[in-house]
């Protein structure tokens, strides 16, 4: 299922793990308003994109390369780690 945008993808992922966007904001050192802007369609800076992916990889016990691929896809970027 393709997500609306990166921020919405993050929200769905953290909710699956019983967390919320405030939790993610604290983990990556960002303001909640920044994460709200992502949900409104703004794209994250590379630093935050990678920090979010690392945190999701940890809480989901999934390989970081898969999380990066999914996060990229949520932004409309075709990034295939298998090629």
C-alpha atoms as a PDB file:
ATOM      1  CA  UNK A   1       0.000   0.000   0.000  1.00  0.00           C
ATOM      2  CA  UNK A   2       1.555   3.287  -1.095  1.00  0.00           C
ATOM      3  CA  UNK A   3       1.472   5.965   1.593  1.00  0.00           C
ATOM      4  CA  UNK A   4       0.452   9.581   1.116  1.00  0.00           C
ATOM      5  CA  UNK A   5       3.857  10.993   2.082  1.00  0.00           C
ATOM      6  CA  UNK A   6       6.849  10.441   4.334  1.00  0.00           C
ATOM      7  CA  UNK A   7       5.229  11.977   7.414  1.00  0.00           C
ATOM      8  CA  UNK A   8       2.134   9.824   7.089  1.00  0.00           C
ATOM      9  CA  UNK A   9       4.296   6.757   6.521  1.00  0.00           C
ATOM     10  CA  UNK A  10       6.231   7.545   9.717  1.00  0.00           C
ATOM     11  CA  UNK A  11       2.988   8.006  11.658  1.00  0.00           C
ATOM     12  CA  UNK A  12       1.688   4.642  10.489  1.00  0.00           C
ATOM     13  CA  UNK A  13       4.969   2.910  11.336  1.00  0.00           C
ATOM     14  CA  UNK A  14       5.275   4.327  14.850  1.00  0.00           C
ATOM     15  CA  UNK A  15       1.589   3.682  15.573  1.00  0.00           C
ATOM     16  CA  UNK A  16       2.072   0.012  14.647  1.00  0.00           C
ATOM     17  CA  UNK A  17       4.659  -0.143  17.426  1.00  0.00           C
ATOM     18  CA  UNK A  18       2.468   1.570  20.032  1.00  0.00           C
ATOM     19  CA  UNK A  19       4.387   4.847  19.790  1.00  0.00           C
ATOM     20  CA  UNK A  20       3.383   8.302  18.572  1.00  0.00           C
ATOM     21  CA  UNK A  21       4.875  11.180  16.647  1.00  0.00           C
ATOM     22  CA  UNK A  22       5.914  12.991  19.844  1.00  0.00           C
ATOM     23  CA  UNK A  23       8.008   9.937  20.723  1.00  0.00           C
ATOM     24  CA  UNK A  24       9.658   9.977  17.291  1.00  0.00           C
ATOM     25  CA  UNK A  25      10.307  13.716  17.509  1.00  0.00           C
ATOM     26  CA  UNK A  26      12.153  13.185  20.814  1.00  0.00           C
ATOM     27  CA  UNK A  27      14.143  10.251  19.430  1.00  0.00           C
ATOM     28  CA  UNK A  28      15.407  12.172  16.396  1.00  0.00           C
ATOM     29  CA  UNK A  29      15.848  15.530  18.145  1.00  0.00           C
ATOM     30  CA  UNK A  30      13.187  17.352  16.161  1.00  0.00           C
ATOM     31  CA  UNK A  31      10.191  19.452  17.104  1.00  0.00           C
ATOM     32  CA  UNK A  32       6.710  18.015  16.818  1.00  0.00           C
ATOM     33  CA  UNK A  33       5.871  20.851  14.440  1.00  0.00           C
ATOM     34  CA  UNK A  34       8.574  19.598  12.064  1.00  0.00           C
ATOM     35  CA  UNK A  35       6.979  16.148  11.987  1.00  0.00           C
ATOM     36  CA  UNK A  36       3.599  17.804  11.426  1.00  0.00           C
ATOM     37  CA  UNK A  37       5.054  19.577   8.388  1.00  0.00           C
ATOM     38  CA  UNK A  38       6.200  16.205   7.064  1.00  0.00           C
ATOM     39  CA  UNK A  39       2.640  14.922   7.392  1.00  0.00           C
ATOM     40  CA  UNK A  40       1.497  17.984   5.445  1.00  0.00           C
ATOM     41  CA  UNK A  41       3.818  17.031   2.591  1.00  0.00           C
ATOM     42  CA  UNK A  42       7.190  18.589   3.387  1.00  0.00           C
ATOM     43  CA  UNK A  43      10.144  16.278   2.851  1.00  0.00           C
ATOM     44  CA  UNK A  44      12.667  15.752   5.643  1.00  0.00           C
ATOM     45  CA  UNK A  45      16.309  16.754   5.432  1.00  0.00           C
ATOM     46  CA  UNK A  46      18.596  13.792   4.840  1.00  0.00           C
ATOM     47  CA  UNK A  47      19.801  13.881   8.464  1.00  0.00           C
ATOM     48  CA  UNK A  48      16.269  13.472   9.821  1.00  0.00           C
ATOM     49  CA  UNK A  49      15.303  10.931   7.174  1.00  0.00           C
ATOM     50  CA  UNK A  50      18.199   8.716   8.251  1.00  0.00           C
ATOM     51  CA  UNK A  51      17.570   9.226  11.978  1.00  0.00           C
ATOM     52  CA  UNK A  52      13.915   8.248  11.544  1.00  0.00           C
ATOM     53  CA  UNK A  53      14.897   5.185   9.538  1.00  0.00           C
ATOM     54  CA  UNK A  54      17.375   4.099  12.217  1.00  0.00           C
ATOM     55  CA  UNK A  55      14.757   4.449  14.970  1.00  0.00           C
ATOM     56  CA  UNK A  56      12.193   2.502  12.950  1.00  0.00           C
ATOM     57  CA  UNK A  57      14.753  -0.191  12.222  1.00  0.00           C
ATOM     58  CA  UNK A  58      15.436  -0.540  15.940  1.00  0.00           C
ATOM     59  CA  UNK A  59      11.836  -0.653  17.159  1.00  0.00           C
ATOM     60  CA  UNK A  60      10.731  -2.941  14.342  1.00  0.00           C
ATOM     61  CA  UNK A  61      13.839  -5.162  14.425  1.00  0.00           C
ATOM     62  CA  UNK A  62      14.103  -4.868  10.655  1.00  0.00           C
ATOM     63  CA  UNK A  63      17.119  -4.217   8.421  1.00  0.00           C
ATOM     64  CA  UNK A  64      17.888  -0.531   7.939  1.00  0.00           C
ATOM     65  CA  UNK A  65      18.187  -0.962   4.173  1.00  0.00           C
ATOM     66  CA  UNK A  66      14.557  -2.137   3.980  1.00  0.00           C
ATOM     67  CA  UNK A  67      13.356   0.779   6.123  1.00  0.00           C
ATOM     68  CA  UNK A  68      15.272   3.240   3.922  1.00  0.00           C
ATOM     69  CA  UNK A  69      13.731   1.667   0.833  1.00  0.00           C
ATOM     70  CA  UNK A  70      10.208   1.967   2.262  1.00  0.00           C
ATOM     71  CA  UNK A  71      10.784   5.537   3.475  1.00  0.00           C
ATOM     72  CA  UNK A  72      12.128   6.525   0.062  1.00  0.00           C
ATOM     73  CA  UNK A  73       9.119   4.967  -1.609  1.00  0.00           C
ATOM     74  CA  UNK A  74       6.816   7.018   0.644  1.00  0.00           C
ATOM     75  CA  UNK A  75       8.459  10.118  -0.863  1.00  0.00           C
ATOM     76  CA  UNK A  76       8.052   8.815  -4.398  1.00  0.00           C
ATOM     77  CA  UNK A  77      11.698   7.820  -4.783  1.00  0.00           C
ATOM     78  CA  UNK A  78      12.327   4.442  -6.394  1.00  0.00           C
ATOM     79  CA  UNK A  79      15.242   3.107  -4.357  1.00  0.00           C
ATOM     80  CA  UNK A  80      15.866  -0.600  -4.725  1.00  0.00           C
ATOM     81  CA  UNK A  81      18.516  -2.054  -2.414  1.00  0.00           C
ATOM     82  CA  UNK A  82      18.699  -5.250  -4.467  1.00  0.00           C
ATOM     83  CA  UNK A  83      20.296  -3.630  -7.521  1.00  0.00           C
END
